[in-house]
N, C-alpha and C. Protein backbone atom coordinates (compact mmCIF):
# COMPACT_ATOMS: atom_id res chain seq x y z
N MET A 1 84.60 104.02 101.42
CA MET A 1 85.29 105.04 102.14
C MET A 1 86.06 105.94 101.14
N SER A 2 86.09 107.22 101.45
CA SER A 2 86.77 108.10 100.47
C SER A 2 87.96 108.79 101.13
N GLY A 3 88.95 109.06 100.33
CA GLY A 3 90.11 109.78 100.73
C GLY A 3 90.39 110.76 99.63
N ASP A 4 90.48 112.12 100.03
CA ASP A 4 90.73 113.19 99.05
C ASP A 4 89.64 113.25 97.98
N GLY A 5 88.43 112.89 98.34
CA GLY A 5 87.32 112.95 97.34
C GLY A 5 87.25 111.75 96.46
N ASN A 6 88.18 110.89 96.51
CA ASN A 6 88.17 109.68 95.63
C ASN A 6 87.75 108.46 96.45
N GLU A 7 87.21 107.48 95.71
CA GLU A 7 86.78 106.22 96.36
C GLU A 7 88.01 105.42 96.73
N VAL A 8 87.93 104.76 97.87
CA VAL A 8 88.98 103.90 98.33
C VAL A 8 88.29 102.56 98.75
N LEU A 9 88.81 101.44 98.22
CA LEU A 9 88.29 100.13 98.59
C LEU A 9 89.03 99.64 99.80
N ILE A 10 88.36 99.12 100.78
CA ILE A 10 88.99 98.65 102.06
C ILE A 10 88.67 97.15 102.30
N GLU A 11 89.67 96.41 102.71
CA GLU A 11 89.46 95.02 103.10
C GLU A 11 90.15 94.81 104.43
N ILE A 12 89.42 94.19 105.36
CA ILE A 12 89.97 93.96 106.72
C ILE A 12 89.96 92.48 106.96
N LEU A 13 91.16 91.98 107.35
CA LEU A 13 91.35 90.57 107.59
C LEU A 13 91.98 90.32 108.94
N GLN A 14 91.44 89.34 109.67
CA GLN A 14 92.08 88.89 110.87
C GLN A 14 93.19 87.88 110.55
N VAL A 15 94.40 88.19 110.98
CA VAL A 15 95.56 87.31 110.71
C VAL A 15 96.21 87.02 112.02
N GLY A 16 95.83 85.87 112.56
CA GLY A 16 96.45 85.51 113.86
C GLY A 16 96.04 86.52 114.98
N ASN A 17 97.02 87.04 115.61
CA ASN A 17 96.79 88.04 116.66
C ASN A 17 96.82 89.46 116.14
N ALA A 18 96.65 89.71 114.86
CA ALA A 18 96.68 91.02 114.26
C ALA A 18 95.57 91.17 113.30
N VAL A 19 95.39 92.42 112.86
CA VAL A 19 94.39 92.69 111.82
C VAL A 19 95.10 93.44 110.66
N LYS A 20 94.88 92.87 109.49
CA LYS A 20 95.53 93.43 108.27
C LYS A 20 94.40 94.21 107.51
N VAL A 21 94.74 95.46 107.19
CA VAL A 21 93.84 96.28 106.40
C VAL A 21 94.46 96.63 105.11
N ILE A 22 93.73 96.38 104.05
CA ILE A 22 94.22 96.68 102.70
C ILE A 22 93.39 97.78 102.14
N ALA A 23 94.02 98.81 101.57
CA ALA A 23 93.32 99.96 100.89
C ALA A 23 93.73 99.96 99.44
N VAL A 24 92.82 100.12 98.59
CA VAL A 24 93.09 100.12 97.15
C VAL A 24 92.47 101.33 96.50
N ASP A 25 93.24 102.07 95.67
CA ASP A 25 92.75 103.12 94.86
C ASP A 25 92.29 102.57 93.58
N PRO A 26 90.99 102.53 93.34
CA PRO A 26 90.40 101.93 92.13
C PRO A 26 90.82 102.60 90.85
N ASN A 27 91.24 103.86 90.92
CA ASN A 27 91.61 104.60 89.71
C ASN A 27 92.97 104.13 89.19
N THR A 28 93.91 103.88 90.11
CA THR A 28 95.31 103.50 89.73
C THR A 28 95.53 102.06 89.98
N GLY A 29 94.77 101.36 90.85
CA GLY A 29 95.03 100.00 91.13
C GLY A 29 96.04 99.86 92.24
N LEU A 30 96.59 101.01 92.77
CA LEU A 30 97.59 100.97 93.81
C LEU A 30 96.99 100.34 95.11
N GLU A 31 97.73 99.50 95.69
CA GLU A 31 97.29 98.78 96.92
C GLU A 31 98.33 98.95 97.97
N VAL A 32 97.86 99.29 99.20
CA VAL A 32 98.73 99.32 100.35
C VAL A 32 98.11 98.56 101.50
N SER A 33 98.90 98.16 102.44
CA SER A 33 98.37 97.42 103.58
C SER A 33 99.06 97.91 104.89
N ILE A 34 98.30 97.83 105.99
CA ILE A 34 98.85 98.05 107.30
C ILE A 34 98.47 96.90 108.16
N VAL A 35 99.13 96.72 109.26
CA VAL A 35 98.83 95.69 110.24
C VAL A 35 98.67 96.45 111.62
N GLY A 36 97.50 96.09 112.28
CA GLY A 36 97.21 96.73 113.55
C GLY A 36 96.81 95.73 114.54
N ALA A 37 96.60 96.21 115.77
CA ALA A 37 96.12 95.39 116.89
C ALA A 37 94.65 95.20 116.78
N PRO A 38 94.10 94.02 117.15
CA PRO A 38 92.70 93.81 117.12
C PRO A 38 91.92 94.75 118.06
N SER A 39 92.64 95.30 119.05
CA SER A 39 91.97 96.17 119.98
C SER A 39 91.71 97.56 119.43
N MET A 40 92.36 97.90 118.28
CA MET A 40 92.11 99.23 117.61
C MET A 40 90.76 99.23 117.02
N SER A 41 90.13 100.34 116.99
CA SER A 41 88.80 100.47 116.39
C SER A 41 88.92 100.27 114.88
N GLU A 42 87.84 99.80 114.30
CA GLU A 42 87.80 99.59 112.82
C GLU A 42 88.04 100.86 112.10
N GLU A 43 87.42 102.00 112.66
CA GLU A 43 87.53 103.29 112.06
C GLU A 43 89.01 103.81 112.03
N MET A 44 89.74 103.56 113.14
CA MET A 44 91.10 103.96 113.24
C MET A 44 91.97 103.17 112.22
N LEU A 45 91.73 101.87 112.11
CA LEU A 45 92.47 101.00 111.23
C LEU A 45 92.23 101.47 109.74
N LYS A 46 90.97 101.80 109.40
CA LYS A 46 90.65 102.28 108.05
C LYS A 46 91.36 103.63 107.75
N ARG A 47 91.26 104.48 108.76
CA ARG A 47 91.88 105.86 108.61
C ARG A 47 93.36 105.74 108.38
N ASN A 48 94.01 104.90 109.10
CA ASN A 48 95.48 104.72 108.94
C ASN A 48 95.80 104.15 107.58
N ALA A 49 95.01 103.23 107.08
CA ALA A 49 95.26 102.61 105.76
C ALA A 49 95.06 103.68 104.67
N VAL A 50 93.99 104.47 104.80
CA VAL A 50 93.76 105.55 103.80
C VAL A 50 94.88 106.51 103.84
N LYS A 51 95.35 106.96 105.05
CA LYS A 51 96.41 107.89 105.12
C LYS A 51 97.70 107.36 104.40
N LYS A 52 97.99 106.10 104.58
CA LYS A 52 99.10 105.51 103.93
C LYS A 52 98.98 105.49 102.42
N LEU A 53 97.79 105.15 101.97
CA LEU A 53 97.49 105.12 100.58
C LEU A 53 97.68 106.55 99.96
N GLN A 54 97.17 107.54 100.63
CA GLN A 54 97.33 108.96 100.19
C GLN A 54 98.81 109.31 100.11
N TYR A 55 99.59 108.89 101.12
CA TYR A 55 101.00 109.24 101.21
C TYR A 55 101.72 108.57 100.03
N VAL A 56 101.41 107.33 99.71
CA VAL A 56 102.09 106.60 98.60
C VAL A 56 101.69 107.21 97.24
N LEU A 57 100.44 107.59 97.12
CA LEU A 57 99.95 108.23 95.89
C LEU A 57 100.66 109.56 95.68
N GLU A 58 100.75 110.36 96.72
CA GLU A 58 101.46 111.65 96.60
C GLU A 58 102.95 111.47 96.29
N LYS A 59 103.58 110.48 96.93
CA LYS A 59 104.99 110.24 96.68
C LYS A 59 105.16 109.81 95.25
N GLN A 60 104.26 108.94 94.75
CA GLN A 60 104.38 108.52 93.40
C GLN A 60 104.19 109.69 92.40
N ASN A 61 103.29 110.57 92.69
CA ASN A 61 103.07 111.71 91.80
C ASN A 61 104.19 112.67 91.79
N THR A 62 104.86 112.90 92.92
CA THR A 62 105.94 113.81 92.92
C THR A 62 107.18 113.20 92.26
N SER A 63 107.36 111.92 92.36
CA SER A 63 108.47 111.24 91.67
C SER A 63 108.33 111.29 90.15
N LYS A 64 107.06 111.24 89.70
CA LYS A 64 106.78 111.30 88.28
C LYS A 64 107.00 112.64 87.67
N ALA A 65 106.74 113.68 88.54
CA ALA A 65 106.90 115.11 88.05
C ALA A 65 108.40 115.51 87.86
N ARG A 66 109.26 114.75 88.40
CA ARG A 66 110.71 115.04 88.27
C ARG A 66 111.25 114.77 86.95
């Protein structure tokens, strides 16, 4: 899956009554995770994880620019 033109690695795990989605940026090694309901579609879970990864990457880049 890609976010902002970059490759993003995704792992989806069932944890009890929830689903944990891990998104990793292979360029930086930055890893984020979200937890969602099993009733959510896989695509929605992936999209939310990629959005969070993009947010954290942007926040990291703006803090380095200061």
